[in-house]
């Protein structure tokens, strides 16, 4: 999920621009490893572009994981403390 975050894409493109002669670079193609293709069902090549919704989704996911861990550590068998 992070690879498609607009923040990650912007950082990657800036690093490429700084280390190449392509100052006008506004995109790149991601070549996926064969293992990733098989395991994750990805295409061999993907156009690297950001999705501004990803950082928010990652924050929501981290919050959910935290709530689940907190509910699990509370010892409540029926989950009554979990909202």
Protein backbone atom coordinates (compact mmCIF):
# COMPACT_ATOMS: atom_id res chain seq x y z
CA UNK A 1 0.00 0.00 0.00
CA UNK A 2 2.81 2.41 0.86
CA UNK A 3 4.35 2.19 -2.61
CA UNK A 4 1.21 3.78 -4.01
CA UNK A 5 1.09 6.56 -1.41
CA UNK A 6 1.39 9.97 -3.03
CA UNK A 7 3.98 10.90 -0.38
CA UNK A 8 6.13 7.85 -1.20
CA UNK A 9 5.84 8.45 -4.95
CA UNK A 10 6.81 12.13 -4.59
CA UNK A 11 9.81 11.18 -2.45
CA UNK A 12 10.91 8.49 -4.94
CA UNK A 13 10.56 10.82 -7.93
CA UNK A 14 12.51 13.56 -6.14
CA UNK A 15 15.31 11.08 -5.40
CA UNK A 16 15.38 10.02 -9.06
CA UNK A 17 15.45 13.67 -10.21
CA UNK A 18 18.31 14.50 -7.83
CA UNK A 19 20.39 11.57 -9.08
CA UNK A 20 19.77 11.80 -12.80
CA UNK A 21 19.73 14.26 -15.67
CA UNK A 22 15.93 13.97 -15.91
CA UNK A 23 14.94 17.12 -14.02
CA UNK A 24 11.55 17.26 -15.78
CA UNK A 25 10.65 13.75 -14.66
CA UNK A 26 7.01 13.47 -13.62
CA UNK A 27 6.56 9.70 -13.58
CA UNK A 28 8.32 6.38 -13.57
CA UNK A 29 7.63 2.74 -14.29
CA UNK A 30 7.99 0.29 -11.44
CA UNK A 31 9.42 -3.08 -12.48
CA UNK A 32 8.11 -5.65 -10.00
CA UNK A 33 10.13 -8.61 -8.80
CA UNK A 34 8.92 -11.96 -10.13
CA UNK A 35 8.19 -13.18 -6.58
CA UNK A 36 5.95 -10.14 -5.97
CA UNK A 37 4.14 -10.78 -9.22
CA UNK A 38 3.38 -14.37 -8.23
CA UNK A 39 2.49 -13.71 -4.58
CA UNK A 40 0.64 -10.41 -4.92
CA UNK A 41 -0.81 -10.82 -8.40
CA UNK A 42 0.89 -7.66 -9.67
CA UNK A 43 1.70 -6.74 -13.24
CA UNK A 44 5.35 -6.96 -14.29
CA UNK A 45 5.38 -3.20 -14.95
CA UNK A 46 3.30 -0.56 -13.17
CA UNK A 47 3.22 3.17 -13.77
CA UNK A 48 4.32 4.75 -10.50
CA UNK A 49 1.68 7.26 -9.54
CA UNK A 50 0.45 8.47 -6.21
CA UNK A 51 -2.94 8.08 -4.65
CA UNK A 52 -3.67 10.86 -2.14
CA UNK A 53 -6.13 8.60 -0.28
CA UNK A 54 -3.42 6.14 0.80
CA UNK A 55 -1.88 8.14 3.73
CA UNK A 56 -5.34 8.56 5.26
CA UNK A 57 -6.15 4.87 4.78
CA UNK A 58 -2.83 3.90 6.37
CA UNK A 59 -3.56 6.12 9.37
CA UNK A 60 -7.02 4.57 9.74
CA UNK A 61 -5.49 1.08 9.50
CA UNK A 62 -2.90 1.88 12.18
CA UNK A 63 -5.67 3.21 14.44
CA UNK A 64 -7.74 0.07 13.91
CA UNK A 65 -4.77 -2.18 14.66
CA UNK A 66 -4.11 -0.19 17.85
CA UNK A 67 -7.73 -0.54 18.95
CA UNK A 68 -7.72 -4.28 18.25
CA UNK A 69 -4.48 -4.76 20.19
CA UNK A 70 -5.85 -2.72 23.08
CA UNK A 71 -9.10 -4.70 23.15
CA UNK A 72 -7.15 -7.98 23.00
CA UNK A 73 -4.86 -6.98 25.87
CA UNK A 74 -7.78 -5.88 28.06
CA UNK A 75 -8.65 -9.52 28.66
CA UNK A 76 -12.30 -9.04 27.84
CA UNK A 77 -13.52 -12.36 26.45
CA UNK A 78 -16.66 -10.97 24.86
CA UNK A 79 -15.05 -7.80 23.49
CA UNK A 80 -17.41 -5.54 25.45
CA UNK A 81 -14.72 -2.87 25.81
CA UNK A 82 -14.18 -2.70 22.06
CA UNK A 83 -16.02 0.04 20.16
